[in-house]
């Protein structure tokens, strides 16, 4: 029977009870962290929609998402 999990770095068998899960050891955890810090791993798609939502830009690139242009002050005076 195959182990339920394999270390993403060295492919050794890993159990969820390990302190270093999903890695088999602290060494593999640090190797993975180093790969992220060296930018060898990348996010598969741009996060523009998530960044735009924080700035009030809709997915089609238009500024002003929900509530844009609204204010608590009545400007009809």
PDB file of N, CA and C in Angstrom:
ATOM      1  N   UNK A   1       0.835  -1.182   0.000  1.00  0.00           N
ATOM      2  CA  UNK A   1       0.000   0.000   0.000  1.00  0.00           C
ATOM      3  C   UNK A   1       0.882   1.250   0.000  1.00  0.00           C
ATOM      4  N   UNK A   2       0.563   2.208  -0.851  1.00  0.00           N
ATOM      5  CA  UNK A   2       1.323   3.446  -0.937  1.00  0.00           C
ATOM      6  C   UNK A   2       1.034   4.326   0.274  1.00  0.00           C
ATOM      7  N   UNK A   3       2.038   5.085   0.719  1.00  0.00           N
ATOM      8  CA  UNK A   3       1.781   6.020   1.824  1.00  0.00           C
ATOM      9  C   UNK A   3       0.791   7.087   1.359  1.00  0.00           C
ATOM     10  N   UNK A   4       0.000   7.614   2.274  1.00  0.00           N
ATOM     11  CA  UNK A   4      -1.010   8.597   1.876  1.00  0.00           C
ATOM     12  C   UNK A   4      -0.417   9.907   1.362  1.00  0.00           C
ATOM     13  N   UNK A   5       0.772  10.268   1.820  1.00  0.00           N
ATOM     14  CA  UNK A   5       1.389  11.525   1.409  1.00  0.00           C
ATOM     15  C   UNK A   5       2.866  11.305   1.116  1.00  0.00           C
ATOM     16  N   UNK A   6       3.393  12.118   0.201  1.00  0.00           N
ATOM     17  CA  UNK A   6       4.819  12.092  -0.111  1.00  0.00           C
ATOM     18  C   UNK A   6       5.373  13.497   0.047  1.00  0.00           C
ATOM     19  N   UNK A   7       6.581  13.592   0.549  1.00  0.00           N
ATOM     20  CA  UNK A   7       7.249  14.884   0.700  1.00  0.00           C
ATOM     21  C   UNK A   7       7.401  15.514  -0.686  1.00  0.00           C
ATOM     22  N   UNK A   8       7.005  16.779  -0.860  1.00  0.00           N
ATOM     23  CA  UNK A   8       7.104  17.406  -2.178  1.00  0.00           C
ATOM     24  C   UNK A   8       8.548  17.616  -2.650  1.00  0.00           C
ATOM     25  N   UNK A   9       9.513  17.522  -1.757  1.00  0.00           N
ATOM     26  CA  UNK A   9      10.908  17.730  -2.132  1.00  0.00           C
ATOM     27  C   UNK A   9      11.602  16.416  -2.470  1.00  0.00           C
ATOM     28  N   UNK A  10      11.576  15.465  -1.537  1.00  0.00           N
ATOM     29  CA  UNK A  10      12.331  14.220  -1.731  1.00  0.00           C
ATOM     30  C   UNK A  10      11.459  12.996  -1.976  1.00  0.00           C
ATOM     31  N   UNK A  11      10.160  13.157  -1.908  1.00  0.00           N
ATOM     32  CA  UNK A  11       9.178  12.088  -2.166  1.00  0.00           C
ATOM     33  C   UNK A  11       9.159  10.997  -1.104  1.00  0.00           C
ATOM     34  N   UNK A  12       9.752  11.228   0.067  1.00  0.00           N
ATOM     35  CA  UNK A  12       9.703  10.263   1.162  1.00  0.00           C
ATOM     36  C   UNK A  12       8.286  10.210   1.730  1.00  0.00           C
ATOM     37  N   UNK A  13       7.929   9.086   2.321  1.00  0.00           N
ATOM     38  CA  UNK A  13       6.609   8.926   2.927  1.00  0.00           C
ATOM     39  C   UNK A  13       6.455   9.889   4.103  1.00  0.00           C
ATOM     40  N   UNK A  14       5.277  10.514   4.191  1.00  0.00           N
ATOM     41  CA  UNK A  14       5.011  11.498   5.240  1.00  0.00           C
ATOM     42  C   UNK A  14       3.646  11.215   5.841  1.00  0.00           C
ATOM     43  N   UNK A  15       3.546  11.373   7.144  1.00  0.00           N
ATOM     44  CA  UNK A  15       2.250  11.254   7.807  1.00  0.00           C
ATOM     45  C   UNK A  15       1.856  12.622   8.354  1.00  0.00           C
ATOM     46  N   UNK A  16       0.557  12.905   8.415  1.00  0.00           N
ATOM     47  CA  UNK A  16       0.099  14.214   8.905  1.00  0.00           C
ATOM     48  C   UNK A  16       0.491  14.502  10.353  1.00  0.00           C
ATOM     49  N   UNK A  17       0.878  13.483  11.109  1.00  0.00           N
ATOM     50  CA  UNK A  17       1.260  13.686  12.504  1.00  0.00           C
ATOM     51  C   UNK A  17       2.627  14.326  12.652  1.00  0.00           C
ATOM     52  N   UNK A  18       3.433  14.323  11.604  1.00  0.00           N
ATOM     53  CA  UNK A  18       4.769  14.908  11.686  1.00  0.00           C
ATOM     54  C   UNK A  18       4.698  16.414  11.902  1.00  0.00           C
ATOM     55  N   UNK A  19       5.619  16.909  12.693  1.00  0.00           N
ATOM     56  CA  UNK A  19       5.685  18.346  12.961  1.00  0.00           C
ATOM     57  C   UNK A  19       6.010  19.137  11.695  1.00  0.00           C
ATOM     58  N   UNK A  20       6.709  18.531  10.771  1.00  0.00           N
ATOM     59  CA  UNK A  20       7.137  19.212   9.549  1.00  0.00           C
ATOM     60  C   UNK A  20       6.188  18.981   8.370  1.00  0.00           C
ATOM     61  N   UNK A  21       5.037  18.360   8.595  1.00  0.00           N
ATOM     62  CA  UNK A  21       4.086  18.056   7.521  1.00  0.00           C
ATOM     63  C   UNK A  21       3.766  19.308   6.711  1.00  0.00           C
ATOM     64  N   UNK A  22       3.741  19.277   5.411  1.00  0.00           N
ATOM     65  CA  UNK A  22       3.750  18.131   4.504  1.00  0.00           C
ATOM     66  C   UNK A  22       5.141  17.672   4.089  1.00  0.00           C
ATOM     67  N   UNK A  23       6.172  18.183   4.738  1.00  0.00           N
ATOM     68  CA  UNK A  23       7.537  17.779   4.423  1.00  0.00           C
ATOM     69  C   UNK A  23       7.969  16.690   5.387  1.00  0.00           C
ATOM     70  N   UNK A  24       8.995  15.921   4.972  1.00  0.00           N
ATOM     71  CA  UNK A  24       9.460  14.824   5.821  1.00  0.00           C
ATOM     72  C   UNK A  24      10.436  15.301   6.888  1.00  0.00           C
ATOM     73  N   UNK A  25      11.062  16.452   6.671  1.00  0.00           N
ATOM     74  CA  UNK A  25      12.071  16.941   7.619  1.00  0.00           C
ATOM     75  C   UNK A  25      12.183  18.459   7.544  1.00  0.00           C
ATOM     76  N   UNK A  26      12.877  19.004   8.521  1.00  0.00           N
ATOM     77  CA  UNK A  26      13.134  20.444   8.534  1.00  0.00           C
ATOM     78  C   UNK A  26      13.982  20.837   7.328  1.00  0.00           C
ATOM     79  N   UNK A  27      14.891  19.957   6.923  1.00  0.00           N
ATOM     80  CA  UNK A  27      15.725  20.231   5.756  1.00  0.00           C
ATOM     81  C   UNK A  27      14.868  20.446   4.507  1.00  0.00           C
ATOM     82  N   UNK A  28      13.896  19.565   4.280  1.00  0.00           N
ATOM     83  CA  UNK A  28      13.030  19.707   3.107  1.00  0.00           C
ATOM     84  C   UNK A  28      12.168  20.972   3.201  1.00  0.00           C
ATOM     85  N   UNK A  29      11.724  21.303   4.406  1.00  0.00           N
ATOM     86  CA  UNK A  29      10.960  22.551   4.584  1.00  0.00           C
ATOM     87  C   UNK A  29      11.799  23.756   4.182  1.00  0.00           C
ATOM     88  N   UNK A  30      13.067  23.776   4.619  1.00  0.00           N
ATOM     89  CA  UNK A  30      13.946  24.899   4.302  1.00  0.00           C
ATOM     90  C   UNK A  30      14.313  24.943   2.823  1.00  0.00           C
ATOM     91  N   UNK A  31      14.474  23.784   2.194  1.00  0.00           N
ATOM     92  CA  UNK A  31      14.737  23.755   0.751  1.00  0.00           C
ATOM     93  C   UNK A  31      13.561  24.351  -0.017  1.00  0.00           C
ATOM     94  N   UNK A  32      12.337  24.025   0.403  1.00  0.00           N
ATOM     95  CA  UNK A  32      11.145  24.563  -0.252  1.00  0.00           C
ATOM     96  C   UNK A  32      11.048  26.075  -0.033  1.00  0.00           C
ATOM     97  N   UNK A  33      11.300  26.523   1.177  1.00  0.00           N
ATOM     98  CA  UNK A  33      11.277  27.960   1.464  1.00  0.00           C
ATOM     99  C   UNK A  33      12.313  28.692   0.613  1.00  0.00           C
ATOM    100  N   UNK A  34      13.508  28.122   0.507  1.00  0.00           N
ATOM    101  CA  UNK A  34      14.546  28.717  -0.317  1.00  0.00           C
ATOM    102  C   UNK A  34      14.137  28.832  -1.772  1.00  0.00           C
ATOM    103  N   UNK A  35      13.424  27.832  -2.277  1.00  0.00           N
ATOM    104  CA  UNK A  35      12.947  27.873  -3.665  1.00  0.00           C
ATOM    105  C   UNK A  35      11.959  29.019  -3.861  1.00  0.00           C
ATOM    106  N   UNK A  36      11.063  29.234  -2.886  1.00  0.00           N
ATOM    107  CA  UNK A  36      10.130  30.367  -2.976  1.00  0.00           C
ATOM    108  C   UNK A  36      10.880  31.689  -2.929  1.00  0.00           C
ATOM    109  N   UNK A  37      11.833  31.799  -2.018  1.00  0.00           N
ATOM    110  CA  UNK A  37      12.574  33.047  -1.863  1.00  0.00           C
ATOM    111  C   UNK A  37      13.455  33.353  -3.074  1.00  0.00           C
ATOM    112  N   UNK A  38      13.947  32.307  -3.743  1.00  0.00           N
ATOM    113  CA  UNK A  38      14.740  32.481  -4.961  1.00  0.00           C
ATOM    114  C   UNK A  38      13.865  32.672  -6.196  1.00  0.00           C
ATOM    115  N   UNK A  39      12.545  32.678  -5.989  1.00  0.00           N
ATOM    116  CA  UNK A  39      11.556  32.852  -7.059  1.00  0.00           C
ATOM    117  C   UNK A  39      11.622  31.747  -8.108  1.00  0.00           C
ATOM    118  N   UNK A  40      11.971  30.518  -7.670  1.00  0.00           N
ATOM    119  CA  UNK A  40      11.926  29.379  -8.580  1.00  0.00           C
ATOM    120  C   UNK A  40      10.503  28.858  -8.723  1.00  0.00           C
ATOM    121  N   UNK A  41       9.649  29.174  -7.766  1.00  0.00           N
ATOM    122  CA  UNK A  41       8.231  28.843  -7.858  1.00  0.00           C
ATOM    123  C   UNK A  41       7.489  30.105  -8.257  1.00  0.00           C
ATOM    124  N   UNK A  42       6.435  29.938  -9.036  1.00  0.00           N
ATOM    125  CA  UNK A  42       5.644  31.078  -9.470  1.00  0.00           C
ATOM    126  C   UNK A  42       4.165  30.735  -9.357  1.00  0.00           C
ATOM    127  N   UNK A  43       3.341  31.736  -9.145  1.00  0.00           N
ATOM    128  CA  UNK A  43       1.900  31.559  -9.155  1.00  0.00           C
ATOM    129  C   UNK A  43       1.491  31.368 -10.613  1.00  0.00           C
ATOM    130  N   UNK A  44       0.599  30.432 -10.876  1.00  0.00           N
ATOM    131  CA  UNK A  44       0.269  30.030 -12.244  1.00  0.00           C
ATOM    132  C   UNK A  44      -0.435  31.117 -13.053  1.00  0.00           C
ATOM    133  N   UNK A  45      -1.170  31.990 -12.412  1.00  0.00           N
ATOM    134  CA  UNK A  45      -1.894  33.022 -13.153  1.00  0.00           C
ATOM    135  C   UNK A  45      -1.743  34.350 -12.436  1.00  0.00           C
ATOM    136  N   UNK A  46      -1.910  35.442 -13.154  1.00  0.00           N
ATOM    137  CA  UNK A  46      -1.793  36.757 -12.522  1.00  0.00           C
ATOM    138  C   UNK A  46      -2.879  36.958 -11.464  1.00  0.00           C
ATOM    139  N   UNK A  47      -2.551  37.661 -10.455  1.00  0.00           N
ATOM    140  CA  UNK A  47      -3.498  37.941  -9.386  1.00  0.00           C
ATOM    141  C   UNK A  47      -4.100  39.331  -9.543  1.00  0.00           C
ATOM    142  N   UNK A  48      -4.192  39.827 -10.766  1.00  0.00           N
ATOM    143  CA  UNK A  48      -4.680  41.178 -11.029  1.00  0.00           C
ATOM    144  C   UNK A  48      -6.081  41.396 -10.482  1.00  0.00           C
ATOM    145  N   UNK A  49      -6.966  40.410 -10.599  1.00  0.00           N
ATOM    146  CA  UNK A  49      -8.329  40.604 -10.115  1.00  0.00           C
ATOM    147  C   UNK A  49      -8.355  40.754  -8.597  1.00  0.00           C
ATOM    148  N   UNK A  50      -7.502  40.034  -7.889  1.00  0.00           N
ATOM    149  CA  UNK A  50      -7.451  40.157  -6.432  1.00  0.00           C
ATOM    150  C   UNK A  50      -6.841  41.503  -6.040  1.00  0.00           C
ATOM    151  N   UNK A  51      -5.799  41.921  -6.728  1.00  0.00           N
ATOM    152  CA  UNK A  51      -5.173  43.198  -6.418  1.00  0.00           C
ATOM    153  C   UNK A  51      -6.098  44.346  -6.805  1.00  0.00           C
ATOM    154  N   UNK A  52      -6.795  44.204  -7.930  1.00  0.00           N
ATOM    155  CA  UNK A  52      -7.715  45.238  -8.384  1.00  0.00           C
ATOM    156  C   UNK A  52      -8.894  45.389  -7.456  1.00  0.00           C
ATOM    157  N   UNK A  53      -9.377  44.296  -6.895  1.00  0.00           N
ATOM    158  CA  UNK A  53     -10.521  44.361  -5.987  1.00  0.00           C
ATOM    159  C   UNK A  53     -10.169  45.175  -4.750  1.00  0.00           C
ATOM    160  N   UNK A  54      -8.933  45.057  -4.305  1.00  0.00           N
ATOM    161  CA  UNK A  54      -8.506  45.816  -3.140  1.00  0.00           C
ATOM    162  C   UNK A  54      -8.426  47.309  -3.452  1.00  0.00           C
ATOM    163  N   UNK A  55      -8.176  47.649  -4.720  1.00  0.00           N
ATOM    164  CA  UNK A  55      -8.054  49.047  -5.114  1.00  0.00           C
ATOM    165  C   UNK A  55      -9.355  49.603  -5.674  1.00  0.00           C
ATOM    166  N   UNK A  56     -10.409  48.776  -5.743  1.00  0.00           N
ATOM    167  CA  UNK A  56     -11.682  49.239  -6.282  1.00  0.00           C
ATOM    168  C   UNK A  56     -11.748  49.176  -7.791  1.00  0.00           C
ATOM    169  N   UNK A  57     -10.948  48.293  -8.400  1.00  0.00           N
ATOM    170  CA  UNK A  57     -10.965  48.124  -9.844  1.00  0.00           C
ATOM    171  C   UNK A  57     -11.694  46.827 -10.144  1.00  0.00           C
ATOM    172  N   UNK A  58     -12.670  46.873 -11.053  1.00  0.00           N
ATOM    173  CA  UNK A  58     -13.429  45.674 -11.382  1.00  0.00           C
ATOM    174  C   UNK A  58     -12.597  44.751 -12.262  1.00  0.00           C
ATOM    175  N   UNK A  59     -13.084  43.529 -12.494  1.00  0.00           N
ATOM    176  CA  UNK A  59     -12.338  42.557 -13.276  1.00  0.00           C
ATOM    177  C   UNK A  59     -12.116  43.011 -14.713  1.00  0.00           C
ATOM    178  N   UNK A  60     -12.979  43.879 -15.264  1.00  0.00           N
ATOM    179  CA  UNK A  60     -12.789  44.342 -16.641  1.00  0.00           C
ATOM    180  C   UNK A  60     -11.856  45.544 -16.714  1.00  0.00           C
ATOM    181  N   UNK A  61     -11.256  45.916 -15.578  1.00  0.00           N
ATOM    182  CA  UNK A  61     -10.279  46.991 -15.562  1.00  0.00           C
ATOM    183  C   UNK A  61     -10.866  48.362 -15.285  1.00  0.00           C
ATOM    184  N   UNK A  62     -12.180  48.445 -15.169  1.00  0.00           N
ATOM    185  CA  UNK A  62     -12.823  49.727 -14.895  1.00  0.00           C
ATOM    186  C   UNK A  62     -12.684  50.058 -13.419  1.00  0.00           C
ATOM    187  N   UNK A  63     -12.320  51.294 -13.137  1.00  0.00           N
ATOM    188  CA  UNK A  63     -12.236  51.707 -11.747  1.00  0.00           C
ATOM    189  C   UNK A  63     -13.620  51.921 -11.189  1.00  0.00           C
ATOM    190  N   UNK A  64     -13.736  51.730  -9.901  1.00  0.00           N
ATOM    191  CA  UNK A  64     -14.964  52.073  -9.229  1.00  0.00           C
ATOM    192  C   UNK A  64     -15.801  50.914  -8.819  1.00  0.00           C
ATOM    193  N   UNK A  65     -15.493  49.796  -8.606  1.00  0.00           N
ATOM    194  CA  UNK A  65     -16.294  48.661  -8.201  1.00  0.00           C
ATOM    195  C   UNK A  65     -17.548  49.033  -7.435  1.00  0.00           C
ATOM    196  N   UNK A  66     -18.114  48.156  -6.666  1.00  0.00           N
ATOM    197  CA  UNK A  66     -19.342  48.429  -5.930  1.00  0.00           C
ATOM    198  C   UNK A  66     -19.185  49.620  -4.990  1.00  0.00           C
ATOM    199  N   UNK A  67     -20.144  50.515  -5.046  1.00  0.00           N
ATOM    200  CA  UNK A  67     -20.141  51.658  -4.145  1.00  0.00           C
ATOM    201  C   UNK A  67     -19.265  52.801  -4.604  1.00  0.00           C
ATOM    202  N   UNK A  68     -18.656  52.688  -5.772  1.00  0.00           N
ATOM    203  CA  UNK A  68     -17.783  53.765  -6.243  1.00  0.00           C
ATOM    204  C   UNK A  68     -18.616  55.002  -6.536  1.00  0.00           C
ATOM    205  N   UNK A  69     -18.095  56.121  -6.184  1.00  0.00           N
ATOM    206  CA  UNK A  69     -18.783  57.369  -6.453  1.00  0.00           C
ATOM    207  C   UNK A  69     -19.830  57.714  -5.425  1.00  0.00           C
ATOM    208  N   UNK A  70     -20.157  56.771  -4.560  1.00  0.00           N
ATOM    209  CA  UNK A  70     -21.135  57.042  -3.521  1.00  0.00           C
ATOM    210  C   UNK A  70     -20.420  57.689  -2.348  1.00  0.00           C
ATOM    211  N   UNK A  71     -21.105  58.557  -1.669  1.00  0.00           N
ATOM    212  CA  UNK A  71     -20.522  59.145  -0.466  1.00  0.00           C
ATOM    213  C   UNK A  71     -21.644  59.380   0.537  1.00  0.00           C
ATOM    214  N   UNK A  72     -21.239  59.642   1.757  1.00  0.00           N
ATOM    215  CA  UNK A  72     -22.207  59.894   2.812  1.00  0.00           C
ATOM    216  C   UNK A  72     -22.698  61.343   2.775  1.00  0.00           C
ATOM    217  N   UNK A  73     -22.035  62.170   2.013  1.00  0.00           N
ATOM    218  CA  UNK A  73     -22.374  63.591   1.947  1.00  0.00           C
ATOM    219  C   UNK A  73     -23.318  63.840   0.775  1.00  0.00           C
ATOM    220  N   UNK A  74     -24.399  64.549   1.017  1.00  0.00           N
ATOM    221  CA  UNK A  74     -25.346  64.873  -0.052  1.00  0.00           C
ATOM    222  C   UNK A  74     -24.801  66.076  -0.807  1.00  0.00           C
ATOM    223  N   UNK A  75     -24.519  65.914  -2.110  1.00  0.00           N
ATOM    224  CA  UNK A  75     -23.912  66.987  -2.880  1.00  0.00           C
ATOM    225  C   UNK A  75     -24.939  67.793  -3.651  1.00  0.00           C
ATOM    226  N   UNK A  76     -26.242  67.642  -3.335  1.00  0.00           N
ATOM    227  CA  UNK A  76     -27.283  68.366  -4.063  1.00  0.00           C
ATOM    228  C   UNK A  76     -27.506  69.777  -3.531  1.00  0.00           C
ATOM    229  N   UNK A  77     -26.792  70.189  -2.508  1.00  0.00           N
ATOM    230  CA  UNK A  77     -26.954  71.537  -1.932  1.00  0.00           C
ATOM    231  C   UNK A  77     -26.423  72.604  -2.819  1.00  0.00           C
TER     232      UNK A  77
END
